[in-house]
Every structure is written in structure tokens, then in C-alpha cells.
Amino acid sequence: MKEAISTKILCISFAVFLFVSSETSVKSMAFKLFDAHCHLQDQRVLEKAPQLIETAVGAGVVYMAVDGITEKDWHLVQEMSEGYESVIPNFGLHPWFVEGRSPSWFDTLKQLFEANPSAAVGEIGLDKSSLAKGVDFGQQVEVFKKQLQLAKELKRPASVHCLEAFPELLQIMKEMGHFPSGVILHSFNGAAEVVPQLTKLGSYFSFSGHLIPLQEDEARKIVKAVPLDRILLETDSPDAMPTNPIYFVPGNATLNQPANVQSILIYVASLLEMNTEELAEISYNNTVRVFSFRGSKIASKP
């Protein structure tokens, strides 16, 4: 009886050891990561942003692209970028908020880019899903075109939100021609069939926790349709909490943070049947390439 109990205790101890060792191993990944899209200016995590940035850097996230979504938060993104070398600023008017824009929104946006040569364009886009219910699609298109054209003129990448509007997105991009500086399809979970056309136009495809709820076969088909040199990883934090999180926001375990780009790496690597270290290197180099436009923080590095 005592031997049986001892054996059971030994097995439990070994299982705990394996779990802790695995957790420690994941958290101490030695390779570099880049969160291609997040929202640390979001009021739900703004006060915790310094701590979340520190956690992310400690987890190997060298850079994180923080995307503004309205005129009301652009200054917060700017201040965060000025305070942290790891924060890559992005300014844009999200399709959900186009109807609340001021008459001077576009002039304000252009002035921001003039004052911030390290800033990319985003988050901008098109949305015909129920999440944008009531938002006039004609206004979305008007605002999106102006910002996408501005990104092309500035020769900076644009982070694009697109839900149930890929035909319209493709048409607009075709009309504007190839985008050498890149268009980032953020939290991409569109059909695999649109990937080749978008790739030819200069698109990159960024995967987040929004991919995980899909059927695994569907998610695998989407990910495998993307050329390896076009794959980016992101958290879209504080939203898109992955089902396999490694890190939790203090005080609110339902919110996501940039350090969890590790979780996305693990999931996408499993879909590709690829070593995590290999995908980490590929995705990091891809994202650095996109954000190494003239004037960016990355481009100024030796």
C-alpha cells in the first residue's frame, strides 16, 4: 500500500516537474519576436502598458506595432512611442469610427505623419460584418481610400482590418496598383483563395488569436496558402486572447498582451508543421522588413 502511494506521489511530482519545465522553457524562448499589431493605448490596459511592455521585452518581443484607431487615441500612441524604443507607432482611422471623424481628421493625420517619421499607417480598413452594423459602408470606403493612398505616397506600410469585404478591398488595391511598402492584412482569416491576388499586390498576412477558433483544417489551409516570406504574427491585444495563453494581464485574465505572440507562434508553427524557432526567425525577419521604411526606428539601427 505504501509502495503504491509512493509511486503515485512520484508520478504526480514528475508530471508537475514536466509542466513547470515546459512552462519555463516556453517563457524563456531565446529567439526574437515582433508583435505586428496591438493596441496598448486601449483604455482597458493603458495604465498597465509600461508593465506589459516590460513583460513583452522580457519574453523576447523586440518590437510591437501599436495601432491607433481614432483621433482620440493618436496622441496616446505618439507618447508611448516617444517613451519606448520597442513601440512602433501607427496612426489610422478604423472603419468602425469613420462616422465620428472631425472635419479636420485627415489634415491632423497628415501632420502626425510629418511629425513622426517612424510611424506607419493603421489601423484602417473595411468591414461589412455585424461588428460594423450601422456604419455606412460608403463612408468606410471613402476614408479607407484616402488613408491607403496616403500610405502609398508616404512609402510606409498600412495595417488593414478587413472583415467580409475582400472583394471591395481587392478592387481598391488593384485600382491603386502594387504596394512596394506593404499592406498588412491584420488578424487575417480570409479565404485561402484570395491570398495569391493579395500577395501579388504587395500584401503580408498577420495571424493572431482570431485564427484559433476556426476549424483546424480551415486554419491550416489559410496559413499554408501564405508564402513563408509574407507571414507575420501579432496579438491584437488587449483583444484576441488565444486559447493557449502564456501570459495574463494583472487584474484581468481575460485580456491579451504582446508577450502572448509566443502563443500565436506555437499555434501557427503547429499548423505549418514547422519548428517554432524556424518560424520565429522567418516571421521576425518579415516584420522587420515591412517596418524598415525610411525614417522608422528599425531602419535607423546599424
C-alpha atoms as a PDB file:
ATOM      1  CA  MET A   1       0.000   0.000   0.000  1.00  0.00           C
ATOM      2  CA  LYS A   2       2.803   2.371   0.982  1.00  0.00           C
ATOM      3  CA  GLU A   3       4.661   1.473  -2.228  1.00  0.00           C
ATOM      4  CA  ALA A   4       1.569   2.258  -4.302  1.00  0.00           C
ATOM      5  CA  ILE A   5       1.155   5.636  -2.589  1.00  0.00           C
ATOM      6  CA  SER A   6       4.829   6.428  -3.061  1.00  0.00           C
ATOM      7  CA  THR A   7       4.641   5.524  -6.729  1.00  0.00           C
ATOM      8  CA  LYS A   8       1.560   7.740  -7.174  1.00  0.00           C
ATOM      9  CA  ILE A   9       3.273  10.668  -5.457  1.00  0.00           C
ATOM     10  CA  LEU A  10       6.349  10.147  -7.627  1.00  0.00           C
ATOM     11  CA  CYS A  11       4.225  10.170 -10.805  1.00  0.00           C
ATOM     12  CA  ILE A  12       2.404  13.339  -9.750  1.00  0.00           C
ATOM     13  CA  SER A  13       5.695  15.026  -8.864  1.00  0.00           C
ATOM     14  CA  PHE A  14       7.173  14.089 -12.224  1.00  0.00           C
ATOM     15  CA  ALA A  15       4.099  15.408 -14.080  1.00  0.00           C
ATOM     16  CA  VAL A  16       4.324  18.702 -12.208  1.00  0.00           C
ATOM     17  CA  PHE A  17       8.034  18.875 -13.000  1.00  0.00           C
ATOM     18  CA  LEU A  18       7.359  18.366 -16.701  1.00  0.00           C
ATOM     19  CA  PHE A  19       4.627  21.024 -16.716  1.00  0.00           C
ATOM     20  CA  VAL A  20       6.792  23.579 -14.894  1.00  0.00           C
ATOM     21  CA  SER A  21       9.784  22.765 -17.089  1.00  0.00           C
ATOM     22  CA  SER A  22       7.692  23.175 -20.237  1.00  0.00           C
ATOM     23  CA  GLU A  23       6.202  26.448 -18.998  1.00  0.00           C
ATOM     24  CA  THR A  24       9.645  27.768 -18.078  1.00  0.00           C
ATOM     25  CA  SER A  25      11.048  26.658 -21.432  1.00  0.00           C
ATOM     26  CA  VAL A  26       8.301  28.459 -23.362  1.00  0.00           C
ATOM     27  CA  LYS A  27       8.647  31.634 -21.320  1.00  0.00           C
ATOM     28  CA  SER A  28      12.419  31.683 -21.781  1.00  0.00           C
ATOM     29  CA  MET A  29      12.455  31.394 -25.565  1.00  0.00           C
ATOM     30  CA  ALA A  30      15.756  32.813 -26.756  1.00  0.00           C
ATOM     31  CA  PHE A  31      14.679  33.963 -30.208  1.00  0.00           C
ATOM     32  CA  LYS A  32      13.396  37.375 -31.276  1.00  0.00           C
ATOM     33  CA  LEU A  33       9.724  38.130 -31.819  1.00  0.00           C
ATOM     34  CA  PHE A  34       7.749  41.053 -33.262  1.00  0.00           C
ATOM     35  CA  ASP A  35       4.106  41.768 -32.398  1.00  0.00           C
ATOM     36  CA  ALA A  36       2.928  43.186 -35.722  1.00  0.00           C
ATOM     37  CA  HIS A  37      -0.306  44.688 -34.363  1.00  0.00           C
ATOM     38  CA  CYS A  38      -1.608  45.592 -30.904  1.00  0.00           C
ATOM     39  CA  HIS A  39      -3.462  48.350 -29.034  1.00  0.00           C
ATOM     40  CA  LEU A  40      -1.669  49.185 -25.798  1.00  0.00           C
ATOM     41  CA  GLN A  41      -3.318  52.622 -25.897  1.00  0.00           C
ATOM     42  CA  ASP A  42      -6.653  50.902 -25.219  1.00  0.00           C
ATOM     43  CA  GLN A  43      -8.183  52.286 -22.030  1.00  0.00           C
ATOM     44  CA  ARG A  44      -8.539  48.762 -20.618  1.00  0.00           C
ATOM     45  CA  VAL A  45      -4.748  48.350 -20.432  1.00  0.00           C
ATOM     46  CA  LEU A  46      -3.342  51.863 -20.796  1.00  0.00           C
ATOM     47  CA  GLU A  47      -2.328  52.192 -17.134  1.00  0.00           C
ATOM     48  CA  LYS A  48      -0.652  48.784 -17.281  1.00  0.00           C
ATOM     49  CA  ALA A  49       1.120  49.465 -20.595  1.00  0.00           C
ATOM     50  CA  PRO A  50       4.580  50.057 -19.025  1.00  0.00           C
ATOM     51  CA  GLN A  51       4.357  46.704 -17.242  1.00  0.00           C
ATOM     52  CA  LEU A  52       3.053  44.918 -20.341  1.00  0.00           C
ATOM     53  CA  ILE A  53       5.836  46.364 -22.488  1.00  0.00           C
ATOM     54  CA  GLU A  54       8.419  45.245 -19.928  1.00  0.00           C
ATOM     55  CA  THR A  55       6.909  41.760 -19.862  1.00  0.00           C
ATOM     56  CA  ALA A  56       6.895  41.580 -23.660  1.00  0.00           C
ATOM     57  CA  VAL A  57      10.525  42.668 -23.982  1.00  0.00           C
ATOM     58  CA  GLY A  58      11.469  40.125 -21.334  1.00  0.00           C
ATOM     59  CA  ALA A  59       9.667  37.467 -23.380  1.00  0.00           C
ATOM     60  CA  GLY A  60      11.745  38.251 -26.469  1.00  0.00           C
ATOM     61  CA  VAL A  61       9.368  40.691 -28.160  1.00  0.00           C
ATOM     62  CA  VAL A  62      11.846  43.197 -29.534  1.00  0.00           C
ATOM     63  CA  TYR A  63       9.228  45.403 -31.189  1.00  0.00           C
ATOM     64  CA  MET A  64       5.485  45.851 -31.021  1.00  0.00           C
ATOM     65  CA  ALA A  65       3.453  47.871 -33.520  1.00  0.00           C
ATOM     66  CA  VAL A  66       0.853  49.877 -31.576  1.00  0.00           C
ATOM     67  CA  ASP A  67      -2.050  50.912 -33.799  1.00  0.00           C
ATOM     68  CA  GLY A  68      -4.209  53.972 -33.180  1.00  0.00           C
ATOM     69  CA  ILE A  69      -7.836  53.726 -34.244  1.00  0.00           C
ATOM     70  CA  THR A  70      -9.387  57.189 -33.724  1.00  0.00           C
ATOM     71  CA  GLU A  71      -8.388  60.824 -33.461  1.00  0.00           C
ATOM     72  CA  LYS A  72      -8.897  60.478 -29.695  1.00  0.00           C
ATOM     73  CA  ASP A  73      -6.081  57.973 -29.194  1.00  0.00           C
ATOM     74  CA  TRP A  74      -3.441  59.032 -31.720  1.00  0.00           C
ATOM     75  CA  HIS A  75      -1.694  61.212 -29.141  1.00  0.00           C
ATOM     76  CA  LEU A  76      -1.514  58.257 -26.746  1.00  0.00           C
ATOM     77  CA  VAL A  77       0.244  56.147 -29.383  1.00  0.00           C
ATOM     78  CA  GLN A  78       2.642  59.011 -30.084  1.00  0.00           C
ATOM     79  CA  GLU A  79       3.505  59.410 -26.399  1.00  0.00           C
ATOM     80  CA  MET A  80       4.044  55.665 -25.993  1.00  0.00           C
ATOM     81  CA  SER A  81       6.371  55.609 -28.983  1.00  0.00           C
ATOM     82  CA  GLU A  82       8.373  58.511 -27.574  1.00  0.00           C
ATOM     83  CA  GLY A  83       8.730  56.693 -24.266  1.00  0.00           C
ATOM     84  CA  TYR A  84       9.643  53.225 -25.533  1.00  0.00           C
ATOM     85  CA  GLU A  85      12.103  52.283 -28.264  1.00  0.00           C
ATOM     86  CA  SER A  86      10.279  48.977 -28.702  1.00  0.00           C
ATOM     87  CA  VAL A  87       6.982  50.660 -29.684  1.00  0.00           C
ATOM     88  CA  ILE A  88       6.443  51.253 -33.410  1.00  0.00           C
ATOM     89  CA  PRO A  89       3.663  53.865 -33.778  1.00  0.00           C
ATOM     90  CA  ASN A  90       0.803  53.506 -36.250  1.00  0.00           C
ATOM     91  CA  PHE A  91      -1.894  56.118 -36.856  1.00  0.00           C
ATOM     92  CA  GLY A  92      -5.173  55.472 -38.617  1.00  0.00           C
ATOM     93  CA  LEU A  93      -8.935  55.822 -38.559  1.00  0.00           C
ATOM     94  CA  HIS A  94     -10.590  52.441 -38.029  1.00  0.00           C
ATOM     95  CA  PRO A  95     -13.699  51.691 -40.132  1.00  0.00           C
ATOM     96  CA  TRP A  96     -15.901  51.378 -37.035  1.00  0.00           C
ATOM     97  CA  PHE A  97     -15.272  55.020 -36.161  1.00  0.00           C
ATOM     98  CA  VAL A  98     -15.459  56.804 -39.516  1.00  0.00           C
ATOM     99  CA  GLU A  99     -18.810  58.442 -38.788  1.00  0.00           C
ATOM    100  CA  GLY A 100     -17.415  60.210 -35.722  1.00  0.00           C
ATOM    101  CA  ARG A 101     -14.482  61.821 -37.528  1.00  0.00           C
ATOM    102  CA  SER A 102     -13.938  65.569 -37.367  1.00  0.00           C
ATOM    103  CA  PRO A 103     -13.834  67.786 -40.477  1.00  0.00           C
ATOM    104  CA  SER A 104     -10.068  68.153 -39.994  1.00  0.00           C
ATOM    105  CA  TRP A 105      -9.270  64.485 -39.327  1.00  0.00           C
ATOM    106  CA  PHE A 106      -7.239  63.942 -42.486  1.00  0.00           C
ATOM    107  CA  ASP A 107      -5.171  67.108 -42.052  1.00  0.00           C
ATOM    108  CA  THR A 108      -4.460  66.073 -38.455  1.00  0.00           C
ATOM    109  CA  LEU A 109      -3.402  62.631 -39.644  1.00  0.00           C
ATOM    110  CA  LYS A 110      -1.036  64.010 -42.287  1.00  0.00           C
ATOM    111  CA  GLN A 111       0.516  66.373 -39.738  1.00  0.00           C
ATOM    112  CA  LEU A 112       1.100  63.431 -37.402  1.00  0.00           C
ATOM    113  CA  PHE A 113       2.993  61.558 -40.078  1.00  0.00           C
ATOM    114  CA  GLU A 114       5.096  64.614 -40.864  1.00  0.00           C
ATOM    115  CA  ALA A 115       5.998  64.942 -37.183  1.00  0.00           C
ATOM    116  CA  ASN A 116       6.557  61.193 -36.729  1.00  0.00           C
ATOM    117  CA  PRO A 117       8.735  59.733 -39.497  1.00  0.00           C
ATOM    118  CA  SER A 118       8.839  56.430 -37.587  1.00  0.00           C
ATOM    119  CA  ALA A 119       5.058  55.955 -37.853  1.00  0.00           C
ATOM    120  CA  ALA A 120       3.268  53.540 -40.161  1.00  0.00           C
ATOM    121  CA  VAL A 121      -0.375  53.741 -41.244  1.00  0.00           C
ATOM    122  CA  GLY A 122      -3.009  51.826 -39.303  1.00  0.00           C
ATOM    123  CA  GLU A 123      -5.431  50.629 -38.271  1.00  0.00           C
ATOM    124  CA  ILE A 124      -7.518  51.327 -41.340  1.00  0.00           C
ATOM    125  CA  GLY A 125      -9.870  49.141 -43.319  1.00  0.00           C
ATOM    126  CA  LEU A 126     -13.263  47.897 -44.445  1.00  0.00           C
ATOM    127  CA  ASP A 127     -15.880  45.957 -42.503  1.00  0.00           C
ATOM    128  CA  LYS A 128     -19.205  44.571 -43.721  1.00  0.00           C
ATOM    129  CA  SER A 129     -19.630  42.181 -40.792  1.00  0.00           C
ATOM    130  CA  SER A 130     -22.132  42.504 -37.969  1.00  0.00           C
ATOM    131  CA  LEU A 131     -19.398  44.160 -35.889  1.00  0.00           C
ATOM    132  CA  ALA A 132     -19.763  47.255 -38.076  1.00  0.00           C
ATOM    133  CA  LYS A 133     -23.549  47.186 -38.112  1.00  0.00           C
ATOM    134  CA  GLY A 134     -24.946  50.648 -38.727  1.00  0.00           C
ATOM    135  CA  VAL A 135     -21.678  52.111 -40.005  1.00  0.00           C
ATOM    136  CA  ASP A 136     -22.148  53.461 -43.520  1.00  0.00           C
ATOM    137  CA  PHE A 137     -20.014  51.393 -45.887  1.00  0.00           C
ATOM    138  CA  GLY A 138     -19.734  54.227 -48.402  1.00  0.00           C
ATOM    139  CA  GLN A 139     -18.049  56.368 -45.749  1.00  0.00           C
ATOM    140  CA  GLN A 140     -15.776  53.455 -44.854  1.00  0.00           C
ATOM    141  CA  VAL A 141     -14.634  53.205 -48.462  1.00  0.00           C
ATOM    142  CA  GLU A 142     -14.033  56.949 -48.741  1.00  0.00           C
ATOM    143  CA  VAL A 143     -11.952  57.090 -45.558  1.00  0.00           C
ATOM    144  CA  PHE A 144     -10.076  53.892 -46.377  1.00  0.00           C
ATOM    145  CA  LYS A 145      -9.080  55.022 -49.868  1.00  0.00           C
ATOM    146  CA  LYS A 146      -7.679  58.320 -48.584  1.00  0.00           C
ATOM    147  CA  GLN A 147      -5.569  56.598 -45.944  1.00  0.00           C
ATOM    148  CA  LEU A 148      -4.352  53.802 -48.190  1.00  0.00           C
ATOM    149  CA  GLN A 149      -3.336  56.314 -50.850  1.00  0.00           C
ATOM    150  CA  LEU A 150      -1.538  58.339 -48.181  1.00  0.00           C
ATOM    151  CA  ALA A 151       0.398  55.237 -47.107  1.00  0.00           C
ATOM    152  CA  LYS A 152       1.458  54.688 -50.696  1.00  0.00           C
ATOM    153  CA  GLU A 153       2.560  58.308 -51.110  1.00  0.00           C
ATOM    154  CA  LEU A 154       4.497  58.225 -47.828  1.00  0.00           C
ATOM    155  CA  LYS A 155       6.025  54.853 -48.752  1.00  0.00           C
ATOM    156  CA  ARG A 156       5.010  53.369 -45.421  1.00  0.00           C
ATOM    157  CA  PRO A 157       3.173  50.104 -44.706  1.00  0.00           C
ATOM    158  CA  ALA A 158      -0.523  50.102 -43.874  1.00  0.00           C
ATOM    159  CA  SER A 159      -2.154  47.767 -41.339  1.00  0.00           C
ATOM    160  CA  VAL A 160      -5.574  46.834 -42.713  1.00  0.00           C
ATOM    161  CA  HIS A 161      -8.664  45.465 -40.984  1.00  0.00           C
ATOM    162  CA  CYS A 162     -10.875  43.568 -43.419  1.00  0.00           C
ATOM    163  CA  LEU A 163     -13.970  41.583 -42.498  1.00  0.00           C
ATOM    164  CA  GLU A 164     -16.367  40.263 -45.148  1.00  0.00           C
ATOM    165  CA  ALA A 165     -15.160  42.908 -47.598  1.00  0.00           C
ATOM    166  CA  PHE A 166     -12.345  41.247 -49.521  1.00  0.00           C
ATOM    167  CA  PRO A 167     -13.895  41.795 -52.998  1.00  0.00           C
ATOM    168  CA  GLU A 168     -14.030  45.543 -52.294  1.00  0.00           C
ATOM    169  CA  LEU A 169     -10.532  45.529 -50.800  1.00  0.00           C
ATOM    170  CA  LEU A 170      -9.100  43.739 -53.814  1.00  0.00           C
ATOM    171  CA  GLN A 171     -10.798  46.124 -56.226  1.00  0.00           C
ATOM    172  CA  ILE A 172      -9.440  49.194 -54.431  1.00  0.00           C
ATOM    173  CA  MET A 173      -5.922  47.764 -54.220  1.00  0.00           C
ATOM    174  CA  LYS A 174      -5.974  46.814 -57.902  1.00  0.00           C
ATOM    175  CA  GLU A 175      -7.035  50.350 -58.815  1.00  0.00           C
ATOM    176  CA  MET A 176      -4.120  51.790 -56.818  1.00  0.00           C
ATOM    177  CA  GLY A 177      -1.567  49.303 -58.117  1.00  0.00           C
ATOM    178  CA  HIS A 178       1.193  47.380 -56.370  1.00  0.00           C
ATOM    179  CA  PHE A 179       2.204  48.445 -52.840  1.00  0.00           C
ATOM    180  CA  PRO A 180       6.003  48.122 -52.543  1.00  0.00           C
ATOM    181  CA  SER A 181       5.937  49.233 -48.880  1.00  0.00           C
ATOM    182  CA  GLY A 182       3.435  46.539 -47.987  1.00  0.00           C
ATOM    183  CA  VAL A 183      -0.163  46.183 -46.910  1.00  0.00           C
ATOM    184  CA  ILE A 184      -0.545  44.146 -43.708  1.00  0.00           C
ATOM    185  CA  LEU A 185      -3.775  42.141 -43.571  1.00  0.00           C
ATOM    186  CA  HIS A 186      -4.044  42.174 -39.794  1.00  0.00           C
ATOM    187  CA  SER A 187      -5.646  39.240 -37.931  1.00  0.00           C
ATOM    188  CA  PHE A 188      -6.084  37.605 -41.310  1.00  0.00           C
ATOM    189  CA  ASN A 189      -8.646  34.812 -41.525  1.00  0.00           C
ATOM    190  CA  GLY A 190      -9.927  35.386 -45.043  1.00  0.00           C
ATOM    191  CA  ALA A 191     -10.329  32.633 -47.600  1.00  0.00           C
ATOM    192  CA  ALA A 192      -7.166  30.949 -48.819  1.00  0.00           C
ATOM    193  CA  GLU A 193      -8.295  31.668 -52.381  1.00  0.00           C
ATOM    194  CA  VAL A 194      -7.733  35.445 -52.040  1.00  0.00           C
ATOM    195  CA  VAL A 195      -4.131  35.065 -50.837  1.00  0.00           C
ATOM    196  CA  PRO A 196      -2.412  34.848 -54.264  1.00  0.00           C
ATOM    197  CA  GLN A 197      -4.108  38.015 -55.576  1.00  0.00           C
ATOM    198  CA  LEU A 198      -3.357  39.964 -52.408  1.00  0.00           C
ATOM    199  CA  THR A 199       0.236  38.730 -52.414  1.00  0.00           C
ATOM    200  CA  LYS A 200       0.782  39.986 -55.961  1.00  0.00           C
ATOM    201  CA  LEU A 201      -0.386  43.430 -54.839  1.00  0.00           C
ATOM    202  CA  GLY A 202       2.184  43.563 -52.031  1.00  0.00           C
ATOM    203  CA  SER A 203       0.277  42.148 -49.058  1.00  0.00           C
ATOM    204  CA  TYR A 204       1.540  40.485 -45.912  1.00  0.00           C
ATOM    205  CA  PHE A 205      -0.652  38.300 -43.706  1.00  0.00           C
ATOM    206  CA  SER A 206      -0.605  38.698 -39.948  1.00  0.00           C
ATOM    207  CA  PHE A 207      -2.053  35.954 -37.746  1.00  0.00           C
ATOM    208  CA  SER A 208      -3.490  36.436 -34.258  1.00  0.00           C
ATOM    209  CA  GLY A 209      -5.670  34.632 -31.736  1.00  0.00           C
ATOM    210  CA  HIS A 210      -8.641  35.290 -34.031  1.00  0.00           C
ATOM    211  CA  LEU A 211      -7.369  32.375 -36.144  1.00  0.00           C
ATOM    212  CA  ILE A 212      -7.650  29.800 -33.344  1.00  0.00           C
ATOM    213  CA  PRO A 213     -11.485  29.500 -33.134  1.00  0.00           C
ATOM    214  CA  LEU A 214     -11.625  28.377 -36.772  1.00  0.00           C
ATOM    215  CA  GLN A 215     -11.770  24.678 -37.558  1.00  0.00           C
ATOM    216  CA  GLU A 216      -8.186  23.449 -37.516  1.00  0.00           C
ATOM    217  CA  ASP A 217      -8.323  22.185 -41.106  1.00  0.00           C
ATOM    218  CA  GLU A 218      -9.623  25.566 -42.265  1.00  0.00           C
ATOM    219  CA  ALA A 219      -6.980  27.451 -40.294  1.00  0.00           C
ATOM    220  CA  ARG A 220      -4.264  25.187 -41.706  1.00  0.00           C
ATOM    221  CA  LYS A 221      -5.488  25.769 -45.259  1.00  0.00           C
ATOM    222  CA  ILE A 222      -5.358  29.542 -44.786  1.00  0.00           C
ATOM    223  CA  VAL A 223      -1.914  29.572 -43.191  1.00  0.00           C
ATOM    224  CA  LYS A 224      -0.402  27.197 -45.747  1.00  0.00           C
ATOM    225  CA  ALA A 225      -1.729  29.360 -48.595  1.00  0.00           C
ATOM    226  CA  VAL A 226       0.509  32.233 -47.471  1.00  0.00           C
ATOM    227  CA  PRO A 227       4.104  32.329 -48.770  1.00  0.00           C
ATOM    228  CA  LEU A 228       6.578  31.986 -45.901  1.00  0.00           C
ATOM    229  CA  ASP A 229       8.124  35.369 -46.679  1.00  0.00           C
ATOM    230  CA  ARG A 230       4.706  37.027 -46.128  1.00  0.00           C
ATOM    231  CA  ILE A 231       3.801  35.599 -42.710  1.00  0.00           C
ATOM    232  CA  LEU A 232       3.623  37.946 -39.706  1.00  0.00           C
ATOM    233  CA  LEU A 233       2.478  37.280 -36.132  1.00  0.00           C
ATOM    234  CA  GLU A 234       0.502  39.557 -33.845  1.00  0.00           C
ATOM    235  CA  THR A 235      -1.646  39.618 -30.708  1.00  0.00           C
ATOM    236  CA  ASP A 236      -4.223  42.336 -31.490  1.00  0.00           C
ATOM    237  CA  SER A 237      -4.115  42.795 -27.713  1.00  0.00           C
ATOM    238  CA  PRO A 238      -5.902  43.501 -25.486  1.00  0.00           C
ATOM    239  CA  ASP A 239      -8.382  41.520 -27.629  1.00  0.00           C
ATOM    240  CA  ALA A 240      -7.988  38.172 -29.409  1.00  0.00           C
ATOM    241  CA  MET A 241      -6.881  36.306 -26.287  1.00  0.00           C
ATOM    242  CA  PRO A 242      -5.539  32.973 -27.556  1.00  0.00           C
ATOM    243  CA  THR A 243      -6.876  29.734 -26.095  1.00  0.00           C
ATOM    244  CA  ASN A 244      -3.297  28.798 -25.214  1.00  0.00           C
ATOM    245  CA  PRO A 245      -2.142  31.972 -23.391  1.00  0.00           C
ATOM    246  CA  ILE A 246       1.196  32.019 -21.616  1.00  0.00           C
ATOM    247  CA  TYR A 247       0.823  35.452 -20.044  1.00  0.00           C
ATOM    248  CA  PHE A 248      -2.120  37.159 -18.338  1.00  0.00           C
ATOM    249  CA  VAL A 249      -2.804  40.843 -17.738  1.00  0.00           C
ATOM    250  CA  PRO A 250      -2.567  41.506 -13.989  1.00  0.00           C
ATOM    251  CA  GLY A 251      -6.040  42.011 -12.572  1.00  0.00           C
ATOM    252  CA  ASN A 252      -7.851  40.813 -15.705  1.00  0.00           C
ATOM    253  CA  ALA A 253      -7.093  37.343 -17.021  1.00  0.00           C
ATOM    254  CA  THR A 254      -9.447  37.824 -19.988  1.00  0.00           C
ATOM    255  CA  LEU A 255      -7.264  40.484 -21.635  1.00  0.00           C
ATOM    256  CA  ASN A 256      -4.435  39.769 -24.029  1.00  0.00           C
ATOM    257  CA  GLN A 257      -0.936  41.303 -24.150  1.00  0.00           C
ATOM    258  CA  PRO A 258       2.003  41.436 -26.623  1.00  0.00           C
ATOM    259  CA  ALA A 259       4.016  38.738 -24.820  1.00  0.00           C
ATOM    260  CA  ASN A 260       1.392  36.235 -25.987  1.00  0.00           C
ATOM    261  CA  VAL A 261       2.733  36.485 -29.513  1.00  0.00           C
ATOM    262  CA  GLN A 262       4.622  33.412 -28.274  1.00  0.00           C
ATOM    263  CA  SER A 263       1.293  31.572 -28.109  1.00  0.00           C
ATOM    264  CA  ILE A 264       0.456  32.567 -31.689  1.00  0.00           C
ATOM    265  CA  LEU A 265       3.903  31.427 -32.801  1.00  0.00           C
ATOM    266  CA  ILE A 266       3.347  27.992 -31.251  1.00  0.00           C
ATOM    267  CA  TYR A 267      -0.084  27.575 -32.849  1.00  0.00           C
ATOM    268  CA  VAL A 268       0.876  28.750 -36.354  1.00  0.00           C
ATOM    269  CA  ALA A 269       4.051  26.637 -36.265  1.00  0.00           C
ATOM    270  CA  SER A 270       1.928  23.589 -35.423  1.00  0.00           C
ATOM    271  CA  LEU A 271      -0.342  24.283 -38.417  1.00  0.00           C
ATOM    272  CA  LEU A 272       2.679  24.582 -40.684  1.00  0.00           C
ATOM    273  CA  GLU A 273       4.314  21.527 -39.085  1.00  0.00           C
ATOM    274  CA  MET A 274       7.352  23.728 -38.577  1.00  0.00           C
ATOM    275  CA  ASN A 275       9.827  24.174 -35.777  1.00  0.00           C
ATOM    276  CA  THR A 276       8.925  27.190 -33.608  1.00  0.00           C
ATOM    277  CA  GLU A 277      12.464  28.556 -33.769  1.00  0.00           C
ATOM    278  CA  GLU A 278      12.365  28.490 -37.570  1.00  0.00           C
ATOM    279  CA  LEU A 279       9.001  30.260 -37.784  1.00  0.00           C
ATOM    280  CA  ALA A 280      10.113  32.785 -35.163  1.00  0.00           C
ATOM    281  CA  GLU A 281      13.101  33.746 -37.296  1.00  0.00           C
ATOM    282  CA  ILE A 282      11.064  33.890 -40.507  1.00  0.00           C
ATOM    283  CA  SER A 283       8.208  35.962 -39.053  1.00  0.00           C
ATOM    284  CA  TYR A 284      10.561  38.320 -37.193  1.00  0.00           C
ATOM    285  CA  ASN A 285      12.634  38.993 -40.314  1.00  0.00           C
ATOM    286  CA  ASN A 286       9.474  39.503 -42.384  1.00  0.00           C
ATOM    287  CA  THR A 287       8.077  42.042 -39.929  1.00  0.00           C
ATOM    288  CA  VAL A 288      11.369  43.878 -39.590  1.00  0.00           C
ATOM    289  CA  ARG A 289      11.490  44.139 -43.379  1.00  0.00           C
ATOM    290  CA  VAL A 290       7.980  45.628 -43.511  1.00  0.00           C
ATOM    291  CA  PHE A 291       8.665  48.190 -40.798  1.00  0.00           C
ATOM    292  CA  SER A 292      12.143  49.173 -42.002  1.00  0.00           C
ATOM    293  CA  PHE A 293      10.854  52.039 -44.121  1.00  0.00           C
ATOM    294  CA  ARG A 294      12.864  55.232 -44.342  1.00  0.00           C
ATOM    295  CA  GLY A 295      12.671  57.121 -41.038  1.00  0.00           C
ATOM    296  CA  SER A 296      11.497  54.163 -38.945  1.00  0.00           C
ATOM    297  CA  LYS A 297      13.122  53.200 -35.661  1.00  0.00           C
ATOM    298  CA  ILE A 298      14.230  49.912 -37.167  1.00  0.00           C
ATOM    299  CA  ALA A 299      15.746  51.470 -40.277  1.00  0.00           C
ATOM    300  CA  SER A 300      17.889  53.722 -38.092  1.00  0.00           C
ATOM    301  CA  LYS A 301      19.524  50.727 -36.396  1.00  0.00           C
ATOM    302  CA  PRO A 302      23.048  49.855 -37.576  1.00  0.00           C
END
